[in-house]
Amino acid sequence: MKLHELRDNPGAAKKAKRVARGPGSGKGKTAGRGIKGQKSRSGVAINAYEGGQMPLYQRLPKRGFNKPNRKAFAVVNLGLIQKFVDEGKIDASAPITEDALVASGLVRRKLDGIRVLAKGDVTAKLRLNVTGASKSAVEAVAKAGGTLTVAQAAAAE
């Protein structure tokens, strides 16, 4: 077989029907859209309209509730804090506040506060002061000889 002998399989490439190109095409004049009405016009989309029948999205049951004033915390894992301490981006000797975490580039923005989770290992003696933390994160920091203080605003929730 040579390059010039390559061909698609018969029937694999089908040319698109060119509509509104005269009566001989079989799809001339109205191009298969019928006569008049909204769907015969261009630029009309009738999404989710089912001809007066109750649309599917309205027939399905609604579930759940989105709390409008819920708090969104920036989440940080202990392993990442340890990594930043090892790289010298965070000073472990000073208390680590939320502002220090943002300044180091570990967290982009505080949102409603920073919550520390226990994923990863921590070896440095850290003094963390954050809005929230998981129980296992508090235990992991205490085990490494540090302290993890959670602000009172989050504790009241």
C-alpha atoms as a PDB file:
ATOM      1  CA  MET A   1       0.000   0.000   0.000  1.00  0.00           C
ATOM      2  CA  LYS A   2       1.227   3.461  -0.893  1.00  0.00           C
ATOM      3  CA  LEU A   3       0.281   6.874   0.491  1.00  0.00           C
ATOM      4  CA  HIS A   4      -1.701   7.810  -2.609  1.00  0.00           C
ATOM      5  CA  GLU A   5      -3.744   4.628  -2.277  1.00  0.00           C
ATOM      6  CA  LEU A   6      -5.119   5.530   1.187  1.00  0.00           C
ATOM      7  CA  ARG A   7      -8.907   5.946   1.221  1.00  0.00           C
ATOM      8  CA  ASP A   8     -11.633   6.159   3.840  1.00  0.00           C
ATOM      9  CA  ASN A   9     -13.844   3.111   4.189  1.00  0.00           C
ATOM     10  CA  PRO A  10     -16.836   3.300   1.869  1.00  0.00           C
ATOM     11  CA  GLY A  11     -19.625   5.225   3.634  1.00  0.00           C
ATOM     12  CA  ALA A  12     -17.370   6.505   6.421  1.00  0.00           C
ATOM     13  CA  ALA A  13     -17.302  10.123   5.212  1.00  0.00           C
ATOM     14  CA  LYS A  14     -20.774  11.349   4.345  1.00  0.00           C
ATOM     15  CA  LYS A  15     -21.287  14.808   2.943  1.00  0.00           C
ATOM     16  CA  ALA A  16     -23.690  17.044   4.856  1.00  0.00           C
ATOM     17  CA  LYS A  17     -27.071  17.695   3.278  1.00  0.00           C
ATOM     18  CA  ARG A  18     -27.085  21.202   1.807  1.00  0.00           C
ATOM     19  CA  VAL A  19     -30.535  22.538   2.595  1.00  0.00           C
ATOM     20  CA  ALA A  20     -32.388  25.401   0.853  1.00  0.00           C
ATOM     21  CA  ARG A  21     -30.524  24.922  -2.435  1.00  0.00           C
ATOM     22  CA  GLY A  22     -33.388  24.452  -4.856  1.00  0.00           C
ATOM     23  CA  PRO A  23     -36.166  21.911  -5.406  1.00  0.00           C
ATOM     24  CA  GLY A  24     -33.860  19.280  -6.889  1.00  0.00           C
ATOM     25  CA  SER A  25     -32.089  18.783  -3.566  1.00  0.00           C
ATOM     26  CA  GLY A  26     -35.149  17.402  -1.821  1.00  0.00           C
ATOM     27  CA  LYS A  27     -34.705  20.027   0.902  1.00  0.00           C
ATOM     28  CA  GLY A  28     -35.375  23.180  -1.091  1.00  0.00           C
ATOM     29  CA  LYS A  29     -37.460  26.274  -0.360  1.00  0.00           C
ATOM     30  CA  THR A  30     -38.279  25.914   3.376  1.00  0.00           C
ATOM     31  CA  ALA A  31     -35.306  23.597   4.070  1.00  0.00           C
ATOM     32  CA  GLY A  32     -37.416  21.054   5.960  1.00  0.00           C
ATOM     33  CA  ARG A  33     -38.597  23.596   8.540  1.00  0.00           C
ATOM     34  CA  GLY A  34     -42.215  23.686   7.452  1.00  0.00           C
ATOM     35  CA  ILE A  35     -44.124  26.914   6.923  1.00  0.00           C
ATOM     36  CA  LYS A  36     -44.141  29.891   9.308  1.00  0.00           C
ATOM     37  CA  GLY A  37     -44.024  29.680  13.075  1.00  0.00           C
ATOM     38  CA  GLN A  38     -41.323  30.183  15.651  1.00  0.00           C
ATOM     39  CA  LYS A  39     -39.275  27.124  14.699  1.00  0.00           C
ATOM     40  CA  SER A  40     -39.075  28.108  11.054  1.00  0.00           C
ATOM     41  CA  ARG A  41     -37.237  31.318  11.957  1.00  0.00           C
ATOM     42  CA  SER A  42     -33.517  31.570  12.525  1.00  0.00           C
ATOM     43  CA  GLY A  43     -31.950  32.260  15.905  1.00  0.00           C
ATOM     44  CA  VAL A  44     -34.760  30.763  17.983  1.00  0.00           C
ATOM     45  CA  ALA A  45     -34.034  28.294  20.766  1.00  0.00           C
ATOM     46  CA  ILE A  46     -36.871  26.927  22.831  1.00  0.00           C
ATOM     47  CA  ASN A  47     -34.873  25.286  25.591  1.00  0.00           C
ATOM     48  CA  ALA A  48     -36.724  23.070  28.047  1.00  0.00           C
ATOM     49  CA  TYR A  49     -40.082  23.932  26.447  1.00  0.00           C
ATOM     50  CA  GLU A  50     -42.126  20.780  26.049  1.00  0.00           C
ATOM     51  CA  GLY A  51     -45.149  22.058  24.150  1.00  0.00           C
ATOM     52  CA  GLY A  52     -47.080  23.082  27.240  1.00  0.00           C
ATOM     53  CA  GLN A  53     -46.337  19.859  29.115  1.00  0.00           C
ATOM     54  CA  MET A  54     -44.736  20.494  32.494  1.00  0.00           C
ATOM     55  CA  PRO A  55     -40.988  20.594  31.785  1.00  0.00           C
ATOM     56  CA  LEU A  56     -38.789  17.846  33.192  1.00  0.00           C
ATOM     57  CA  TYR A  57     -36.847  20.168  35.480  1.00  0.00           C
ATOM     58  CA  GLN A  58     -40.130  21.228  37.099  1.00  0.00           C
ATOM     59  CA  ARG A  59     -41.465  17.681  37.416  1.00  0.00           C
ATOM     60  CA  LEU A  60     -38.460  16.418  39.365  1.00  0.00           C
ATOM     61  CA  PRO A  61     -38.501  16.827  43.163  1.00  0.00           C
ATOM     62  CA  LYS A  62     -36.381  19.515  44.730  1.00  0.00           C
ATOM     63  CA  ARG A  63     -33.947  18.430  47.434  1.00  0.00           C
ATOM     64  CA  GLY A  64     -31.659  20.105  49.903  1.00  0.00           C
ATOM     65  CA  PHE A  65     -31.065  23.633  51.045  1.00  0.00           C
ATOM     66  CA  ASN A  66     -28.274  26.114  50.414  1.00  0.00           C
ATOM     67  CA  LYS A  67     -27.654  28.239  53.452  1.00  0.00           C
ATOM     68  CA  PRO A  68     -27.409  31.822  52.154  1.00  0.00           C
ATOM     69  CA  ASN A  69     -25.108  33.015  54.950  1.00  0.00           C
ATOM     70  CA  ARG A  70     -22.904  29.953  55.296  1.00  0.00           C
ATOM     71  CA  LYS A  71     -19.239  30.455  56.053  1.00  0.00           C
ATOM     72  CA  ALA A  72     -16.632  29.568  53.445  1.00  0.00           C
ATOM     73  CA  PHE A  73     -13.230  28.738  54.912  1.00  0.00           C
ATOM     74  CA  ALA A  74      -9.923  28.562  53.107  1.00  0.00           C
ATOM     75  CA  VAL A  75      -8.647  25.038  53.816  1.00  0.00           C
ATOM     76  CA  VAL A  76      -4.997  24.267  54.599  1.00  0.00           C
ATOM     77  CA  ASN A  77      -3.433  20.896  55.367  1.00  0.00           C
ATOM     78  CA  LEU A  78      -0.790  20.489  58.052  1.00  0.00           C
ATOM     79  CA  GLY A  79       1.562  18.783  55.604  1.00  0.00           C
ATOM     80  CA  LEU A  80       1.603  21.897  53.418  1.00  0.00           C
ATOM     81  CA  ILE A  81       2.330  24.167  56.384  1.00  0.00           C
ATOM     82  CA  GLN A  82       5.239  21.872  57.305  1.00  0.00           C
ATOM     83  CA  LYS A  83       6.506  21.980  53.711  1.00  0.00           C
ATOM     84  CA  PHE A  84       6.444  25.796  53.699  1.00  0.00           C
ATOM     85  CA  VAL A  85       8.284  25.843  57.054  1.00  0.00           C
ATOM     86  CA  ASP A  86      10.960  23.490  55.646  1.00  0.00           C
ATOM     87  CA  GLU A  87      11.369  25.719  52.574  1.00  0.00           C
ATOM     88  CA  GLY A  88      11.736  28.805  54.795  1.00  0.00           C
ATOM     89  CA  LYS A  89       8.605  30.518  53.475  1.00  0.00           C
ATOM     90  CA  ILE A  90       7.019  30.484  56.932  1.00  0.00           C
ATOM     91  CA  ASP A  91       8.904  31.356  60.127  1.00  0.00           C
ATOM     92  CA  ALA A  92       8.156  28.567  62.620  1.00  0.00           C
ATOM     93  CA  SER A  93       9.680  30.436  65.583  1.00  0.00           C
ATOM     94  CA  ALA A  94       7.053  33.203  65.453  1.00  0.00           C
ATOM     95  CA  PRO A  95       3.320  32.600  65.916  1.00  0.00           C
ATOM     96  CA  ILE A  96       1.748  31.692  62.575  1.00  0.00           C
ATOM     97  CA  THR A  97      -1.348  33.808  61.965  1.00  0.00           C
ATOM     98  CA  GLU A  98      -3.770  33.762  59.063  1.00  0.00           C
ATOM     99  CA  ASP A  99      -2.089  36.869  57.644  1.00  0.00           C
ATOM    100  CA  ALA A 100       1.271  35.071  57.714  1.00  0.00           C
ATOM    101  CA  LEU A 101      -0.225  32.159  55.761  1.00  0.00           C
ATOM    102  CA  VAL A 102      -1.579  34.558  53.130  1.00  0.00           C
ATOM    103  CA  ALA A 103       1.709  36.475  52.937  1.00  0.00           C
ATOM    104  CA  SER A 104       3.669  33.232  52.431  1.00  0.00           C
ATOM    105  CA  GLY A 105       1.486  32.369  49.436  1.00  0.00           C
ATOM    106  CA  LEU A 106       0.130  29.181  51.012  1.00  0.00           C
ATOM    107  CA  VAL A 107      -3.397  30.602  51.021  1.00  0.00           C
ATOM    108  CA  ARG A 108      -4.662  32.941  48.330  1.00  0.00           C
ATOM    109  CA  ARG A 109      -7.321  34.677  50.422  1.00  0.00           C
ATOM    110  CA  LYS A 110      -8.771  34.221  53.884  1.00  0.00           C
ATOM    111  CA  LEU A 111     -12.487  34.189  52.914  1.00  0.00           C
ATOM    112  CA  ASP A 112     -14.345  33.783  56.259  1.00  0.00           C
ATOM    113  CA  GLY A 113     -11.199  32.434  57.898  1.00  0.00           C
ATOM    114  CA  ILE A 114      -8.677  29.639  57.535  1.00  0.00           C
ATOM    115  CA  ARG A 115      -9.387  26.084  58.656  1.00  0.00           C
ATOM    116  CA  VAL A 116      -6.526  23.668  59.283  1.00  0.00           C
ATOM    117  CA  LEU A 117      -6.943  19.963  58.503  1.00  0.00           C
ATOM    118  CA  ALA A 118      -4.700  17.124  59.628  1.00  0.00           C
ATOM    119  CA  LYS A 119      -3.587  15.717  56.255  1.00  0.00           C
ATOM    120  CA  GLY A 120       0.173  15.239  56.187  1.00  0.00           C
ATOM    121  CA  ASP A 121       2.799  15.079  58.929  1.00  0.00           C
ATOM    122  CA  VAL A 122       4.012  17.941  61.072  1.00  0.00           C
ATOM    123  CA  THR A 123       7.407  17.829  62.790  1.00  0.00           C
ATOM    124  CA  ALA A 124       8.106  21.495  63.565  1.00  0.00           C
ATOM    125  CA  LYS A 125       7.007  23.069  66.830  1.00  0.00           C
ATOM    126  CA  LEU A 126       4.301  25.355  65.448  1.00  0.00           C
ATOM    127  CA  ARG A 127       2.211  28.014  67.154  1.00  0.00           C
ATOM    128  CA  LEU A 128      -0.814  28.354  64.879  1.00  0.00           C
ATOM    129  CA  ASN A 129      -3.602  30.883  65.363  1.00  0.00           C
ATOM    130  CA  VAL A 130      -6.489  30.268  62.948  1.00  0.00           C
ATOM    131  CA  THR A 131     -10.285  30.494  62.692  1.00  0.00           C
ATOM    132  CA  GLY A 132     -10.924  26.749  62.601  1.00  0.00           C
ATOM    133  CA  ALA A 133      -9.231  23.380  62.869  1.00  0.00           C
ATOM    134  CA  SER A 134     -10.170  19.715  62.953  1.00  0.00           C
ATOM    135  CA  LYS A 135      -9.688  17.840  66.233  1.00  0.00           C
ATOM    136  CA  SER A 136      -7.093  15.590  64.655  1.00  0.00           C
ATOM    137  CA  ALA A 137      -5.154  18.658  63.434  1.00  0.00           C
ATOM    138  CA  VAL A 138      -5.095  20.105  66.979  1.00  0.00           C
ATOM    139  CA  GLU A 139      -3.850  16.750  68.311  1.00  0.00           C
ATOM    140  CA  ALA A 140      -1.179  16.423  65.590  1.00  0.00           C
ATOM    141  CA  VAL A 141       0.247  19.892  66.340  1.00  0.00           C
ATOM    142  CA  ALA A 142       0.187  19.204  70.093  1.00  0.00           C
ATOM    143  CA  LYS A 143       1.958  15.868  69.501  1.00  0.00           C
ATOM    144  CA  ALA A 144       4.733  17.722  67.646  1.00  0.00           C
ATOM    145  CA  GLY A 145       5.120  20.023  70.655  1.00  0.00           C
ATOM    146  CA  GLY A 146       3.268  23.046  69.278  1.00  0.00           C
ATOM    147  CA  THR A 147      -0.050  24.734  69.913  1.00  0.00           C
ATOM    148  CA  LEU A 148      -3.028  25.330  67.636  1.00  0.00           C
ATOM    149  CA  THR A 149      -5.322  28.108  68.864  1.00  0.00           C
ATOM    150  CA  VAL A 150      -8.762  28.416  67.329  1.00  0.00           C
ATOM    151  CA  ALA A 151     -10.402  31.861  67.360  1.00  0.00           C
ATOM    152  CA  GLN A 152     -13.493  32.157  69.564  1.00  0.00           C
ATOM    153  CA  ALA A 153     -15.812  33.344  66.747  1.00  0.00           C
ATOM    154  CA  ALA A 154     -15.614  29.971  65.000  1.00  0.00           C
ATOM    155  CA  ALA A 155     -15.868  28.031  68.262  1.00  0.00           C
ATOM    156  CA  ALA A 156     -19.235  29.680  69.033  1.00  0.00           C
ATOM    157  CA  GLU A 157     -20.828  28.115  65.928  1.00  0.00           C
END
